């Protein structure tokens, strides 16, 4: 089975865009999606995608606290059902 990071990379490339262009799956996971230009509305929608894919729960506070993609990976690994 693919790692959480690999699965998250795939979800990013399939679900997120900046200026109409998909985000590359090769991005650095220390980067914040908002710093790449992803809107806050898209981040909330993407949190729903992550919840469905990994069977984890995100609150609005989690969206604020989980600043980097590596932090999201750690959270998913610790909380996936």
PDB file of N, CA and C in Angstrom:
ATOM      1  N   UNK A   1       0.841  -1.182   0.000  1.00  0.00           N
ATOM      2  CA  UNK A   1       0.000   0.000   0.000  1.00  0.00           C
ATOM      3  C   UNK A   1       0.885   1.245   0.000  1.00  0.00           C
ATOM      4  N   UNK A   2       0.431   2.273  -0.695  1.00  0.00           N
ATOM      5  CA  UNK A   2       1.177   3.521  -0.784  1.00  0.00           C
ATOM      6  C   UNK A   2       1.236   4.205   0.583  1.00  0.00           C
ATOM      7  N   UNK A   3       2.314   4.930   0.803  1.00  0.00           N
ATOM      8  CA  UNK A   3       2.464   5.655   2.065  1.00  0.00           C
ATOM      9  C   UNK A   3       1.467   6.815   2.125  1.00  0.00           C
ATOM     10  N   UNK A   4       1.272   7.329   3.313  1.00  0.00           N
ATOM     11  CA  UNK A   4       0.386   8.484   3.485  1.00  0.00           C
ATOM     12  C   UNK A   4       0.867   9.640   2.625  1.00  0.00           C
ATOM     13  N   UNK A   5       2.162   9.879   2.609  1.00  0.00           N
ATOM     14  CA  UNK A   5       2.703  10.979   1.813  1.00  0.00           C
ATOM     15  C   UNK A   5       2.418  10.774   0.330  1.00  0.00           C
ATOM     16  N   UNK A   6       2.625   9.556  -0.173  1.00  0.00           N
ATOM     17  CA  UNK A   6       2.354   9.281  -1.586  1.00  0.00           C
ATOM     18  C   UNK A   6       0.878   9.470  -1.915  1.00  0.00           C
ATOM     19  N   UNK A   7       0.021   8.995  -1.048  1.00  0.00           N
ATOM     20  CA  UNK A   7      -1.422   9.150  -1.269  1.00  0.00           C
ATOM     21  C   UNK A   7      -1.820  10.619  -1.231  1.00  0.00           C
ATOM     22  N   UNK A   8      -1.226  11.376  -0.315  1.00  0.00           N
ATOM     23  CA  UNK A   8      -1.525  12.798  -0.215  1.00  0.00           C
ATOM     24  C   UNK A   8      -1.022  13.550  -1.449  1.00  0.00           C
ATOM     25  N   UNK A   9       0.144  13.190  -1.939  1.00  0.00           N
ATOM     26  CA  UNK A   9       0.669  13.803  -3.170  1.00  0.00           C
ATOM     27  C   UNK A   9      -0.313  13.597  -4.327  1.00  0.00           C
ATOM     28  N   UNK A  10      -0.836  12.387  -4.442  1.00  0.00           N
ATOM     29  CA  UNK A  10      -1.791  12.084  -5.515  1.00  0.00           C
ATOM     30  C   UNK A  10      -3.061  12.916  -5.350  1.00  0.00           C
ATOM     31  N   UNK A  11      -3.565  13.007  -4.125  1.00  0.00           N
ATOM     32  CA  UNK A  11      -4.769  13.802  -3.872  1.00  0.00           C
ATOM     33  C   UNK A  11      -4.544  15.276  -4.207  1.00  0.00           C
ATOM     34  N   UNK A  12      -3.380  15.786  -3.880  1.00  0.00           N
ATOM     35  CA  UNK A  12      -3.067  17.186  -4.181  1.00  0.00           C
ATOM     36  C   UNK A  12      -3.089  17.413  -5.685  1.00  0.00           C
ATOM     37  N   UNK A  13      -2.398  16.555  -6.431  1.00  0.00           N
ATOM     38  CA  UNK A  13      -2.327  16.752  -7.880  1.00  0.00           C
ATOM     39  C   UNK A  13      -3.688  16.577  -8.552  1.00  0.00           C
ATOM     40  N   UNK A  14      -4.571  15.778  -7.958  1.00  0.00           N
ATOM     41  CA  UNK A  14      -5.893  15.538  -8.541  1.00  0.00           C
ATOM     42  C   UNK A  14      -6.935  16.567  -8.114  1.00  0.00           C
ATOM     43  N   UNK A  15      -6.727  17.246  -6.982  1.00  0.00           N
ATOM     44  CA  UNK A  15      -7.791  18.066  -6.408  1.00  0.00           C
ATOM     45  C   UNK A  15      -7.484  19.545  -6.230  1.00  0.00           C
ATOM     46  N   UNK A  16      -6.234  19.940  -6.323  1.00  0.00           N
ATOM     47  CA  UNK A  16      -5.903  21.342  -6.059  1.00  0.00           C
ATOM     48  C   UNK A  16      -5.273  22.006  -7.278  1.00  0.00           C
ATOM     49  N   UNK A  17      -5.643  23.272  -7.476  1.00  0.00           N
ATOM     50  CA  UNK A  17      -5.090  24.076  -8.554  1.00  0.00           C
ATOM     51  C   UNK A  17      -4.738  25.462  -8.032  1.00  0.00           C
ATOM     52  N   UNK A  18      -3.789  26.084  -8.714  1.00  0.00           N
ATOM     53  CA  UNK A  18      -3.474  27.486  -8.485  1.00  0.00           C
ATOM     54  C   UNK A  18      -3.476  28.147  -9.859  1.00  0.00           C
ATOM     55  N   UNK A  19      -4.283  29.160 -10.005  1.00  0.00           N
ATOM     56  CA  UNK A  19      -4.426  29.862 -11.286  1.00  0.00           C
ATOM     57  C   UNK A  19      -4.766  28.904 -12.426  1.00  0.00           C
ATOM     58  N   UNK A  20      -5.617  27.933 -12.143  1.00  0.00           N
ATOM     59  CA  UNK A  20      -6.076  27.001 -13.162  1.00  0.00           C
ATOM     60  C   UNK A  20      -5.099  25.893 -13.502  1.00  0.00           C
ATOM     61  N   UNK A  21      -3.976  25.845 -12.816  1.00  0.00           N
ATOM     62  CA  UNK A  21      -2.963  24.819 -13.072  1.00  0.00           C
ATOM     63  C   UNK A  21      -2.870  23.876 -11.881  1.00  0.00           C
ATOM     64  N   UNK A  22      -2.824  22.554 -12.137  1.00  0.00           N
ATOM     65  CA  UNK A  22      -2.694  21.622 -11.012  1.00  0.00           C
ATOM     66  C   UNK A  22      -1.367  21.824 -10.289  1.00  0.00           C
ATOM     67  N   UNK A  23      -1.379  21.526  -9.012  1.00  0.00           N
ATOM     68  CA  UNK A  23      -0.158  21.602  -8.213  1.00  0.00           C
ATOM     69  C   UNK A  23       0.632  20.319  -8.435  1.00  0.00           C
ATOM     70  N   UNK A  24       1.903  20.463  -8.668  1.00  0.00           N
ATOM     71  CA  UNK A  24       2.766  19.312  -8.908  1.00  0.00           C
ATOM     72  C   UNK A  24       2.838  18.408  -7.686  1.00  0.00           C
ATOM     73  N   UNK A  25       2.855  17.112  -7.931  1.00  0.00           N
ATOM     74  CA  UNK A  25       2.987  16.145  -6.846  1.00  0.00           C
ATOM     75  C   UNK A  25       4.404  16.142  -6.272  1.00  0.00           C
ATOM     76  N   UNK A  26       5.332  16.840  -6.925  1.00  0.00           N
ATOM     77  CA  UNK A  26       6.732  16.871  -6.487  1.00  0.00           C
ATOM     78  C   UNK A  26       7.019  17.938  -5.440  1.00  0.00           C
ATOM     79  N   UNK A  27       5.984  18.582  -4.911  1.00  0.00           N
ATOM     80  CA  UNK A  27       6.225  19.698  -4.007  1.00  0.00           C
ATOM     81  C   UNK A  27       6.867  19.270  -2.694  1.00  0.00           C
ATOM     82  N   UNK A  28       7.541  20.236  -2.085  1.00  0.00           N
ATOM     83  CA  UNK A  28       8.217  20.043  -0.800  1.00  0.00           C
ATOM     84  C   UNK A  28       7.168  20.031   0.309  1.00  0.00           C
ATOM     85  N   UNK A  29       7.155  18.988   1.124  1.00  0.00           N
ATOM     86  CA  UNK A  29       6.122  18.848   2.146  1.00  0.00           C
ATOM     87  C   UNK A  29       6.331  19.758   3.349  1.00  0.00           C
ATOM     88  N   UNK A  30       7.415  20.528   3.376  1.00  0.00           N
ATOM     89  CA  UNK A  30       7.547  21.534   4.428  1.00  0.00           C
ATOM     90  C   UNK A  30       6.820  22.819   4.024  1.00  0.00           C
ATOM     91  N   UNK A  31       6.341  22.859   2.791  1.00  0.00           N
ATOM     92  CA  UNK A  31       5.619  24.012   2.260  1.00  0.00           C
ATOM     93  C   UNK A  31       4.173  24.016   2.728  1.00  0.00           C
ATOM     94  N   UNK A  32       3.640  25.212   2.939  1.00  0.00           N
ATOM     95  CA  UNK A  32       2.222  25.357   3.250  1.00  0.00           C
ATOM     96  C   UNK A  32       1.474  25.569   1.940  1.00  0.00           C
ATOM     97  N   UNK A  33       0.335  24.899   1.776  1.00  0.00           N
ATOM     98  CA  UNK A  33      -0.440  25.053   0.549  1.00  0.00           C
ATOM     99  C   UNK A  33      -0.867  26.499   0.339  1.00  0.00           C
ATOM    100  N   UNK A  34      -1.176  27.191   1.410  1.00  0.00           N
ATOM    101  CA  UNK A  34      -1.601  28.586   1.284  1.00  0.00           C
ATOM    102  C   UNK A  34      -0.470  29.440   0.715  1.00  0.00           C
ATOM    103  N   UNK A  35       0.793  29.073   1.012  1.00  0.00           N
ATOM    104  CA  UNK A  35       1.938  29.796   0.463  1.00  0.00           C
ATOM    105  C   UNK A  35       2.104  29.544  -1.029  1.00  0.00           C
ATOM    106  N   UNK A  36       1.540  28.452  -1.520  1.00  0.00           N
ATOM    107  CA  UNK A  36       1.580  28.155  -2.951  1.00  0.00           C
ATOM    108  C   UNK A  36       0.481  28.890  -3.712  1.00  0.00           C
ATOM    109  N   UNK A  37      -0.440  29.496  -2.974  1.00  0.00           N
ATOM    110  CA  UNK A  37      -1.524  30.228  -3.613  1.00  0.00           C
ATOM    111  C   UNK A  37      -2.869  29.536  -3.567  1.00  0.00           C
ATOM    112  N   UNK A  38      -2.964  28.436  -2.828  1.00  0.00           N
ATOM    113  CA  UNK A  38      -4.242  27.740  -2.680  1.00  0.00           C
ATOM    114  C   UNK A  38      -5.140  28.581  -1.777  1.00  0.00           C
ATOM    115  N   UNK A  39      -6.377  28.802  -2.202  1.00  0.00           N
ATOM    116  CA  UNK A  39      -7.292  29.637  -1.420  1.00  0.00           C
ATOM    117  C   UNK A  39      -7.747  28.917  -0.155  1.00  0.00           C
ATOM    118  N   UNK A  40      -8.185  29.696   0.813  1.00  0.00           N
ATOM    119  CA  UNK A  40      -8.673  29.100   2.059  1.00  0.00           C
ATOM    120  C   UNK A  40      -9.914  28.251   1.807  1.00  0.00           C
ATOM    121  N   UNK A  41     -10.745  28.638   0.864  1.00  0.00           N
ATOM    122  CA  UNK A  41     -11.932  27.832   0.521  1.00  0.00           C
ATOM    123  C   UNK A  41     -11.513  26.480  -0.061  1.00  0.00           C
ATOM    124  N   UNK A  42     -10.503  26.493  -0.925  1.00  0.00           N
ATOM    125  CA  UNK A  42     -10.006  25.238  -1.489  1.00  0.00           C
ATOM    126  C   UNK A  42      -9.370  24.367  -0.414  1.00  0.00           C
ATOM    127  N   UNK A  43      -8.719  24.985   0.567  1.00  0.00           N
ATOM    128  CA  UNK A  43      -8.130  24.212   1.663  1.00  0.00           C
ATOM    129  C   UNK A  43      -9.204  23.498   2.474  1.00  0.00           C
ATOM    130  N   UNK A  44     -10.312  24.181   2.725  1.00  0.00           N
ATOM    131  CA  UNK A  44     -11.410  23.559   3.465  1.00  0.00           C
ATOM    132  C   UNK A  44     -11.979  22.388   2.666  1.00  0.00           C
ATOM    133  N   UNK A  45     -12.163  22.579   1.368  1.00  0.00           N
ATOM    134  CA  UNK A  45     -12.657  21.491   0.513  1.00  0.00           C
ATOM    135  C   UNK A  45     -11.663  20.335   0.482  1.00  0.00           C
ATOM    136  N   UNK A  46     -10.375  20.666   0.440  1.00  0.00           N
ATOM    137  CA  UNK A  46      -9.355  19.621   0.411  1.00  0.00           C
ATOM    138  C   UNK A  46      -9.318  18.852   1.725  1.00  0.00           C
ATOM    139  N   UNK A  47      -9.589  19.521   2.828  1.00  0.00           N
ATOM    140  CA  UNK A  47      -9.673  18.820   4.117  1.00  0.00           C
ATOM    141  C   UNK A  47     -10.764  17.757   4.067  1.00  0.00           C
ATOM    142  N   UNK A  48     -11.874  18.053   3.385  1.00  0.00           N
ATOM    143  CA  UNK A  48     -12.941  17.056   3.222  1.00  0.00           C
ATOM    144  C   UNK A  48     -12.453  15.855   2.417  1.00  0.00           C
ATOM    145  N   UNK A  49     -11.663  16.114   1.385  1.00  0.00           N
ATOM    146  CA  UNK A  49     -11.101  15.031   0.568  1.00  0.00           C
ATOM    147  C   UNK A  49     -10.200  14.151   1.427  1.00  0.00           C
ATOM    148  N   UNK A  50      -9.359  14.779   2.248  1.00  0.00           N
ATOM    149  CA  UNK A  50      -8.456  14.029   3.125  1.00  0.00           C
ATOM    150  C   UNK A  50      -9.257  13.203   4.133  1.00  0.00           C
ATOM    151  N   UNK A  51     -10.294  13.798   4.696  1.00  0.00           N
ATOM    152  CA  UNK A  51     -11.143  13.064   5.648  1.00  0.00           C
ATOM    153  C   UNK A  51     -11.707  11.807   5.011  1.00  0.00           C
ATOM    154  N   UNK A  52     -12.209  11.938   3.789  1.00  0.00           N
ATOM    155  CA  UNK A  52     -12.801  10.791   3.097  1.00  0.00           C
ATOM    156  C   UNK A  52     -11.757   9.732   2.754  1.00  0.00           C
ATOM    157  N   UNK A  53     -10.608  10.170   2.289  1.00  0.00           N
ATOM    158  CA  UNK A  53      -9.558   9.235   1.861  1.00  0.00           C
ATOM    159  C   UNK A  53      -8.957   8.461   3.032  1.00  0.00           C
ATOM    160  N   UNK A  54      -8.728   9.152   4.151  1.00  0.00           N
ATOM    161  CA  UNK A  54      -7.996   8.549   5.261  1.00  0.00           C
ATOM    162  C   UNK A  54      -8.861   8.231   6.474  1.00  0.00           C
ATOM    163  N   UNK A  55     -10.131   8.560   6.398  1.00  0.00           N
ATOM    164  CA  UNK A  55     -11.055   8.318   7.509  1.00  0.00           C
ATOM    165  C   UNK A  55     -10.562   8.983   8.800  1.00  0.00           C
ATOM    166  N   UNK A  56     -10.238  10.269   8.670  1.00  0.00           N
ATOM    167  CA  UNK A  56      -9.850  11.087   9.819  1.00  0.00           C
ATOM    168  C   UNK A  56     -10.790  12.279   9.899  1.00  0.00           C
ATOM    169  N   UNK A  57     -10.816  12.926  11.037  1.00  0.00           N
ATOM    170  CA  UNK A  57     -11.676  14.086  11.257  1.00  0.00           C
ATOM    171  C   UNK A  57     -10.823  15.341  11.344  1.00  0.00           C
ATOM    172  N   UNK A  58     -11.212  16.374  10.600  1.00  0.00           N
ATOM    173  CA  UNK A  58     -10.572  17.678  10.673  1.00  0.00           C
ATOM    174  C   UNK A  58     -11.582  18.695  11.174  1.00  0.00           C
ATOM    175  N   UNK A  59     -11.171  19.491  12.134  1.00  0.00           N
ATOM    176  CA  UNK A  59     -11.982  20.622  12.584  1.00  0.00           C
ATOM    177  C   UNK A  59     -11.381  21.887  11.956  1.00  0.00           C
ATOM    178  N   UNK A  60     -12.088  22.998  12.008  1.00  0.00           N
ATOM    179  CA  UNK A  60     -11.484  24.249  11.513  1.00  0.00           C
ATOM    180  C   UNK A  60     -10.165  24.571  12.224  1.00  0.00           C
ATOM    181  N   UNK A  61     -10.079  24.216  13.496  1.00  0.00           N
ATOM    182  CA  UNK A  61      -8.837  24.459  14.237  1.00  0.00           C
ATOM    183  C   UNK A  61      -7.682  23.647  13.656  1.00  0.00           C
ATOM    184  N   UNK A  62      -7.964  22.408  13.245  1.00  0.00           N
ATOM    185  CA  UNK A  62      -6.916  21.594  12.632  1.00  0.00           C
ATOM    186  C   UNK A  62      -6.397  22.264  11.366  1.00  0.00           C
ATOM    187  N   UNK A  63      -7.296  22.818  10.579  1.00  0.00           N
ATOM    188  CA  UNK A  63      -6.880  23.479   9.340  1.00  0.00           C
ATOM    189  C   UNK A  63      -5.921  24.627   9.640  1.00  0.00           C
ATOM    190  N   UNK A  64      -6.132  25.331  10.744  1.00  0.00           N
ATOM    191  CA  UNK A  64      -5.235  26.418  11.132  1.00  0.00           C
ATOM    192  C   UNK A  64      -3.929  25.898  11.721  1.00  0.00           C
ATOM    193  N   UNK A  65      -4.012  24.823  12.501  1.00  0.00           N
ATOM    194  CA  UNK A  65      -2.845  24.305  13.219  1.00  0.00           C
ATOM    195  C   UNK A  65      -1.897  23.518  12.323  1.00  0.00           C
ATOM    196  N   UNK A  66      -2.427  22.788  11.371  1.00  0.00           N
ATOM    197  CA  UNK A  66      -1.601  21.937  10.521  1.00  0.00           C
ATOM    198  C   UNK A  66      -1.052  22.776   9.375  1.00  0.00           C
ATOM    199  N   UNK A  67       0.038  23.464   9.650  1.00  0.00           N
ATOM    200  CA  UNK A  67       0.566  24.459   8.725  1.00  0.00           C
ATOM    201  C   UNK A  67       1.244  23.858   7.494  1.00  0.00           C
ATOM    202  N   UNK A  68       1.980  22.779   7.668  1.00  0.00           N
ATOM    203  CA  UNK A  68       2.712  22.204   6.539  1.00  0.00           C
ATOM    204  C   UNK A  68       2.104  20.862   6.147  1.00  0.00           C
ATOM    205  N   UNK A  69       2.430  20.439   4.957  1.00  0.00           N
ATOM    206  CA  UNK A  69       1.949  19.137   4.502  1.00  0.00           C
ATOM    207  C   UNK A  69       2.557  18.007   5.321  1.00  0.00           C
ATOM    208  N   UNK A  70       3.782  18.180   5.783  1.00  0.00           N
ATOM    209  CA  UNK A  70       4.376  17.143   6.632  1.00  0.00           C
ATOM    210  C   UNK A  70       3.606  17.023   7.943  1.00  0.00           C
ATOM    211  N   UNK A  71       3.087  18.138   8.466  1.00  0.00           N
ATOM    212  CA  UNK A  71       2.256  18.091   9.678  1.00  0.00           C
ATOM    213  C   UNK A  71       0.944  17.362   9.404  1.00  0.00           C
ATOM    214  N   UNK A  72       0.394  17.536   8.205  1.00  0.00           N
ATOM    215  CA  UNK A  72      -0.826  16.813   7.833  1.00  0.00           C
ATOM    216  C   UNK A  72      -0.546  15.314   7.787  1.00  0.00           C
ATOM    217  N   UNK A  73       0.584  14.924   7.212  1.00  0.00           N
ATOM    218  CA  UNK A  73       0.955  13.503   7.150  1.00  0.00           C
ATOM    219  C   UNK A  73       1.063  12.932   8.558  1.00  0.00           C
ATOM    220  N   UNK A  74       1.731  13.645   9.455  1.00  0.00           N
ATOM    221  CA  UNK A  74       1.877  13.177  10.840  1.00  0.00           C
ATOM    222  C   UNK A  74       0.515  13.031  11.511  1.00  0.00           C
ATOM    223  N   UNK A  75      -0.373  14.000  11.301  1.00  0.00           N
ATOM    224  CA  UNK A  75      -1.709  13.951  11.898  1.00  0.00           C
ATOM    225  C   UNK A  75      -2.493  12.755  11.360  1.00  0.00           C
ATOM    226  N   UNK A  76      -2.462  12.565  10.055  1.00  0.00           N
ATOM    227  CA  UNK A  76      -3.195  11.443   9.448  1.00  0.00           C
ATOM    228  C   UNK A  76      -2.649  10.124   9.971  1.00  0.00           C
ATOM    229  N   UNK A  77      -1.331   9.972   9.995  1.00  0.00           N
ATOM    230  CA  UNK A  77      -0.737   8.720  10.479  1.00  0.00           C
ATOM    231  C   UNK A  77      -1.116   8.440  11.931  1.00  0.00           C
ATOM    232  N   UNK A  78      -1.234   9.479  12.730  1.00  0.00           N
ATOM    233  CA  UNK A  78      -1.565   9.303  14.146  1.00  0.00           C
ATOM    234  C   UNK A  78      -3.055   9.081  14.386  1.00  0.00           C
ATOM    235  N   UNK A  79      -3.913   9.521  13.448  1.00  0.00           N
ATOM    236  CA  UNK A  79      -5.351   9.512  13.714  1.00  0.00           C
ATOM    237  C   UNK A  79      -6.202   8.701  12.744  1.00  0.00           C
ATOM    238  N   UNK A  80      -5.608   8.112  11.733  1.00  0.00           N
ATOM    239  CA  UNK A  80      -6.396   7.337  10.764  1.00  0.00           C
ATOM    240  C   UNK A  80      -6.998   6.116  11.437  1.00  0.00           C
ATOM    241  N   UNK A  81      -8.244   5.839  11.073  1.00  0.00           N
ATOM    242  CA  UNK A  81      -8.956   4.700  11.683  1.00  0.00           C
ATOM    243  C   UNK A  81      -8.526   3.389  11.077  1.00  0.00           C
TER     244      UNK A  81
END
